[in-house]
Structure formats: C-alpha cells, structure tokens
Protein backbone atom coordinates (compact mmCIF):
# COMPACT_ATOMS: atom_id res chain seq x y z
CA UNK A 1 -134.82 160.69 104.70
CA UNK A 2 -132.46 158.22 103.48
CA UNK A 3 -129.34 159.57 101.71
CA UNK A 4 -128.34 157.23 98.75
CA UNK A 5 -124.72 156.66 98.85
CA UNK A 6 -124.72 154.48 95.66
CA UNK A 7 -125.87 157.19 93.48
CA UNK A 8 -123.67 159.88 95.14
CA UNK A 9 -120.44 158.16 94.67
CA UNK A 10 -122.02 156.97 91.03
CA UNK A 11 -122.57 160.76 90.11
CA UNK A 12 -119.09 161.68 91.77
CA UNK A 13 -117.17 158.61 89.69
CA UNK A 14 -118.76 159.54 86.36
CA UNK A 15 -117.78 163.25 86.66
CA UNK A 16 -114.82 162.80 87.44
CA UNK A 17 -114.25 159.86 84.79
CA UNK A 18 -115.44 162.78 82.40
CA UNK A 19 -113.09 165.48 83.53
CA UNK A 20 -110.04 162.83 83.18
CA UNK A 21 -111.42 162.11 79.59
CA UNK A 22 -112.06 165.45 79.00
CA UNK A 23 -108.28 166.47 79.66
CA UNK A 24 -107.17 163.49 77.78
CA UNK A 25 -108.53 165.13 75.09
CA UNK A 26 -107.06 168.33 75.49
CA UNK A 27 -103.64 167.06 75.63
CA UNK A 28 -104.19 164.43 72.58
CA UNK A 29 -104.96 167.65 70.91
CA UNK A 30 -102.10 170.00 72.03
CA UNK A 31 -99.83 167.39 71.32
CA UNK A 32 -101.01 167.01 67.64
CA UNK A 33 -100.73 170.54 67.56
CA UNK A 34 -97.17 170.36 68.69
CA UNK A 35 -96.51 167.81 66.23
CA UNK A 36 -98.14 170.02 63.78
CA UNK A 37 -95.64 172.60 64.34
CA UNK A 38 -92.31 170.91 64.85
CA UNK A 39 -93.30 169.13 60.94
CA UNK A 40 -93.59 172.61 59.70
CA UNK A 41 -90.49 173.80 61.17
CA UNK A 42 -88.96 170.83 60.09
CA UNK A 43 -89.47 171.35 56.68
CA UNK A 44 -88.71 175.24 56.54
CA UNK A 45 -85.28 174.30 58.15
CA UNK A 46 -85.12 171.74 55.10
CA UNK A 47 -86.30 173.83 52.56
CA UNK A 48 -84.64 177.21 53.55
CA UNK A 49 -82.06 176.99 55.73
CA UNK A 50 -80.20 173.61 54.46
CA UNK A 51 -79.54 174.39 50.96
CA UNK A 52 -78.08 177.66 51.63
CA UNK A 53 -75.94 175.51 54.24
CA UNK A 54 -74.69 172.78 52.21
CA UNK A 55 -73.79 175.46 48.89
CA UNK A 56 -71.86 177.27 51.47
CA UNK A 57 -70.07 174.16 52.77
CA UNK A 58 -68.78 173.14 49.47
CA UNK A 59 -67.72 176.71 48.67
CA UNK A 60 -65.53 176.63 51.89
CA UNK A 61 -64.47 172.80 51.09
CA UNK A 62 -62.92 173.94 47.85
CA UNK A 63 -61.58 176.69 49.65
CA UNK A 64 -59.66 174.08 52.34
CA UNK A 65 -62.13 174.86 55.44
CA UNK A 66 -64.29 172.08 56.60
CA UNK A 67 -67.19 172.37 57.86
CA UNK A 68 -70.11 170.79 60.07
CA UNK A 69 -73.62 170.98 59.84
CA UNK A 70 -75.55 169.39 62.30
CA UNK A 71 -79.59 168.63 62.81
CA UNK A 72 -81.37 168.55 66.38
CA UNK A 73 -84.71 167.52 65.06
CA UNK A 74 -85.39 165.74 67.80
CA UNK A 75 -88.06 167.64 70.27
CA UNK A 76 -90.88 165.71 70.57
CA UNK A 77 -91.54 165.73 74.60
CA UNK A 78 -89.25 168.31 74.94
CA UNK A 79 -90.80 171.38 76.54
CA UNK A 80 -90.11 174.61 74.93
CA UNK A 81 -87.36 173.07 72.44
CA UNK A 82 -87.37 173.76 69.06
CA UNK A 83 -86.04 171.96 66.07
CA UNK A 84 -82.72 173.66 65.16
CA UNK A 85 -79.63 173.34 62.88
CA UNK A 86 -76.11 174.77 63.65
CA UNK A 87 -73.13 175.48 60.98
CA UNK A 88 -69.68 175.53 62.23
CA UNK A 89 -66.09 175.32 60.67
CA UNK A 90 -63.90 172.71 61.32
CA UNK A 91 -60.16 173.11 61.82
CA UNK A 92 -56.90 171.62 62.26
CA UNK A 93 -56.66 169.03 65.45
CA UNK A 94 -55.58 170.32 68.73
CA UNK A 95 -52.21 169.25 70.51
CA UNK A 96 -54.75 167.35 72.84
CA UNK A 97 -56.34 165.52 69.78
CA UNK A 98 -59.54 166.71 69.76
CA UNK A 99 -60.46 168.17 67.10
CA UNK A 100 -61.11 171.94 66.61
CA UNK A 101 -64.00 173.33 66.15
CA UNK A 102 -65.16 177.07 65.63
CA UNK A 103 -68.19 179.03 67.33
CA UNK A 104 -71.26 177.94 65.96
CA UNK A 105 -74.58 179.96 63.59
CA UNK A 106 -77.66 178.72 65.15
CA UNK A 107 -80.98 178.44 63.07
CA UNK A 108 -84.55 177.32 64.69
CA UNK A 109 -87.50 178.06 63.36
CA UNK A 110 -91.21 177.47 64.67
CA UNK A 111 -92.35 176.40 61.39
CA UNK A 112 -93.79 180.10 60.38
CA UNK A 113 -90.71 181.99 60.86
CA UNK A 114 -86.65 181.13 61.00
CA UNK A 115 -84.49 182.68 63.88
CA UNK A 116 -80.92 183.37 63.62
CA UNK A 117 -78.24 183.60 66.03
CA UNK A 118 -74.45 182.81 66.39
CA UNK A 119 -72.06 181.98 69.16
CA UNK A 120 -69.10 183.87 69.93
CA UNK A 121 -66.77 180.95 71.56
CA UNK A 122 -66.01 177.24 70.31
CA UNK A 123 -67.75 175.74 73.32
CA UNK A 124 -71.00 177.84 73.22
CA UNK A 125 -74.10 175.54 73.19
CA UNK A 126 -76.48 178.55 72.35
CA UNK A 127 -76.53 181.58 70.23
CA UNK A 128 -74.80 184.47 72.69
CA UNK A 129 -76.10 186.78 69.63
CA UNK A 130 -79.48 186.90 67.83
CA UNK A 131 -78.83 188.07 64.41
CA UNK A 132 -82.88 188.51 64.04
CA UNK A 133 -85.45 186.71 62.47
CA UNK A 134 -87.36 185.95 59.23
CA UNK A 135 -89.94 184.93 57.25
CA UNK A 136 -89.32 181.14 55.19
CA UNK A 137 -88.07 182.11 51.77
CA UNK A 138 -87.13 185.59 52.48
CA UNK A 139 -84.30 184.90 55.19
CA UNK A 140 -81.30 184.25 52.36
CA UNK A 141 -79.65 187.71 53.54
CA UNK A 142 -80.01 186.77 57.06
CA UNK A 143 -78.76 183.08 56.79
CA UNK A 144 -75.52 184.59 54.66
CA UNK A 145 -75.15 187.14 57.75
CA UNK A 146 -74.71 184.12 60.06
CA UNK A 147 -72.58 181.72 57.94
CA UNK A 148 -70.03 184.96 57.19
CA UNK A 149 -70.02 185.43 61.21
CA UNK A 150 -69.44 181.71 61.72
CA UNK A 151 -66.45 182.06 59.35
CA UNK A 152 -65.41 185.23 60.74
CA UNK A 153 -65.40 183.73 64.32
CA UNK A 154 -64.05 180.62 63.34
CA UNK A 155 -60.78 182.75 62.50
CA UNK A 156 -60.68 184.85 65.27
CA UNK A 157 -60.84 181.69 67.42
CA UNK A 158 -58.22 179.77 65.51
CA UNK A 159 -55.95 182.61 65.73
CA UNK A 160 -56.48 182.48 69.39
CA UNK A 161 -55.82 179.17 69.90
CA UNK A 162 -53.16 179.02 67.73
CA UNK A 163 -51.12 182.36 69.71
CA UNK A 164 -51.36 179.87 72.76
CA UNK A 165 -50.05 176.85 70.99
CA UNK A 166 -53.05 174.52 71.70
CA UNK A 167 -53.03 173.70 67.95
CA UNK A 168 -50.81 170.91 66.26
CA UNK A 169 -48.19 172.05 64.07
CA UNK A 170 -48.42 171.37 60.46
CA UNK A 171 -46.56 168.16 59.66
C-alpha cells in the first residue's frame, strides 16, 4: 500500500483555503454590518442631537456664552467606539493663555438608541455620569437635560477658576 502524499497535501491545502475564504466572508459581513450601524448612528446624531445643540448654542451666544460642539464620527476600525458628539460652554482665557472650557455633555448612538452623559470636571474626556438613553425622535428632554447640566457645570467650574485666580481679569 502506497501513501499518496500529493493527495494528502492537496486536500489539506484546499480545506485550509476554504476555511480562510469562509473567514474572509465572515469578516467582510461583520465590517459591512459595523458600517451600517455607524452610518445609522451618525444619521441619528445628525438628525436628532445636532439641531438641538445648534439651537442651544445660538441661544447661549445671544446671552454672551460661547459654546463648542464636536463630532467624533471617525470610528471605523476602532473596536468598541461608537460615533459621538460633545457640547460644552467656552469661557474666558485662563491666566496661562489657555481657553477655559466647561465640562462637556456627551452624546453617543448605536443607530437605534441615543445615550447621554455628562462630565463633572473640565478635563473629563468621557462622561462621569450617565443621564440615560432614549429612542431617536423621543430624546429631546434628555438632550435638553444634558445641555442644562453642561451649563450648570460651566458656571461651577468658572466660579472655581475665578476663586483661585486662574482666569485672566477682564480688560
């Protein structure tokens, strides 16, 4: 009895290549699904959150408070990261020349839910307190609560910075 090594290696190689092709198809499907989720999340944030933030920013500006809205939609290929936006109030220059920024309100989405949180300190780069989640089209009160929290936190931090002399005096 003679062992056919060519047949053995040929079958093993074909099985391996089929397995790799199957994994490539699964990976492509997962990437496509993640892309659809990201696109849906960006659409939700742009349609539901951004108009309210822009409306708040205009009202704040009329009352002498500048704001900053940031969008972080570049999440493709970053595991566990979802599209997000922030809203924060901007204050006077600090004595060291840096721009004072109040704590942010954070908005994220997975395409079917909007999640809202707030920072407690100026330097927080992610929410320290989750305010809740809501459905697209039904989250105005939650978004408004986050903007209110950002405004209140701005004044708390502004008073703190003024009391320790970090802000430039008005000229």
